[in-house]
Amino acid sequence: MITDRNSDLLKEAVSELARLRSAAEGPTRFLTHLYASALEEWAHRLGMETLQLNELVLTSDRFPGHDVR
């Protein structure tokens, strides 16, 4: 469960990961690995599962301006 205290951190994570994810969609394997690594790091910092955080990133891509809380 994300607390109010972690809300800003979650927004920062989703924003950073969304930028990395869009860059990783290109043909560069390095960026794909960078995204996966950043996803794991943020998930660990937030106490979340990587799949759950990845879904939030996907949602932010589909619905720009969507509040991740």
Protein backbone atom coordinates (compact mmCIF):
# COMPACT_ATOMS: atom_id res chain seq x y z
CA MET A 1 0.00 0.00 0.00
CA ILE A 2 1.35 3.41 -0.97
CA THR A 3 1.18 5.97 1.83
CA ASP A 4 0.88 9.72 1.34
CA ARG A 5 4.51 10.00 2.34
CA ASN A 6 5.51 7.83 -0.63
CA SER A 7 3.15 9.51 -3.09
CA ASP A 8 5.75 12.00 -4.36
CA LEU A 9 8.32 9.23 -4.66
CA LEU A 10 5.83 7.13 -6.65
CA LYS A 11 5.11 10.03 -9.01
CA GLU A 12 8.83 10.53 -9.53
CA ALA A 13 9.31 6.82 -10.21
CA VAL A 14 6.47 6.60 -12.72
CA SER A 15 7.66 9.72 -14.52
CA GLU A 16 11.24 8.49 -14.78
CA LEU A 17 10.20 5.00 -15.80
CA ALA A 18 7.77 6.27 -18.43
CA ARG A 19 10.60 8.25 -20.06
CA LEU A 20 12.93 5.24 -19.95
CA ARG A 21 10.23 2.89 -21.24
CA SER A 22 9.50 5.04 -24.29
CA ALA A 23 13.23 5.23 -25.04
CA ALA A 24 13.57 1.47 -24.54
CA GLU A 25 10.96 0.75 -27.20
CA GLY A 26 13.64 1.46 -29.79
CA PRO A 27 16.12 -1.11 -31.08
CA THR A 28 18.68 -0.48 -28.33
CA ARG A 29 19.11 -3.41 -25.96
CA PHE A 30 20.99 -1.26 -23.48
CA LEU A 31 17.95 0.96 -22.85
CA THR A 32 15.75 -2.09 -22.37
CA HIS A 33 18.13 -3.35 -19.68
CA LEU A 34 18.31 0.14 -18.16
CA TYR A 35 14.50 0.28 -17.92
CA ALA A 36 14.32 -3.17 -16.31
CA SER A 37 17.02 -2.25 -13.82
CA ALA A 38 15.37 1.07 -12.93
CA LEU A 39 12.01 -0.66 -12.59
CA GLU A 40 13.46 -3.14 -10.10
CA GLU A 41 15.23 -0.40 -8.15
CA TRP A 42 12.14 1.81 -7.89
CA ALA A 43 9.91 -1.13 -6.97
CA HIS A 44 12.30 -2.07 -4.18
CA ARG A 45 12.45 1.53 -2.88
CA LEU A 46 8.66 1.76 -2.92
CA GLY A 47 8.06 -1.71 -1.47
CA MET A 48 6.06 -2.75 -4.54
CA GLU A 49 6.10 -5.65 -6.95
CA THR A 50 7.80 -4.80 -10.26
CA LEU A 51 4.75 -5.92 -12.23
CA GLN A 52 2.50 -3.61 -10.22
CA LEU A 53 4.80 -0.64 -10.81
CA ASN A 54 5.14 -1.49 -14.50
CA GLU A 55 1.32 -1.42 -14.78
CA LEU A 56 1.31 2.10 -13.30
CA VAL A 57 3.90 3.15 -15.87
CA LEU A 58 1.80 1.66 -18.67
CA THR A 59 -1.27 3.46 -17.33
CA SER A 60 0.60 6.76 -17.25
CA ASP A 61 1.59 6.23 -20.90
CA ARG A 62 -2.00 5.59 -21.91
CA PHE A 63 -3.55 8.32 -19.78
CA PRO A 64 -1.17 11.30 -19.57
CA GLY A 65 -1.89 13.47 -16.57
CA HIS A 66 -3.45 10.52 -14.71
CA ASP A 67 -2.74 10.73 -10.97
CA VAL A 68 -0.92 7.55 -9.93
CA ARG A 69 -2.34 7.66 -6.41
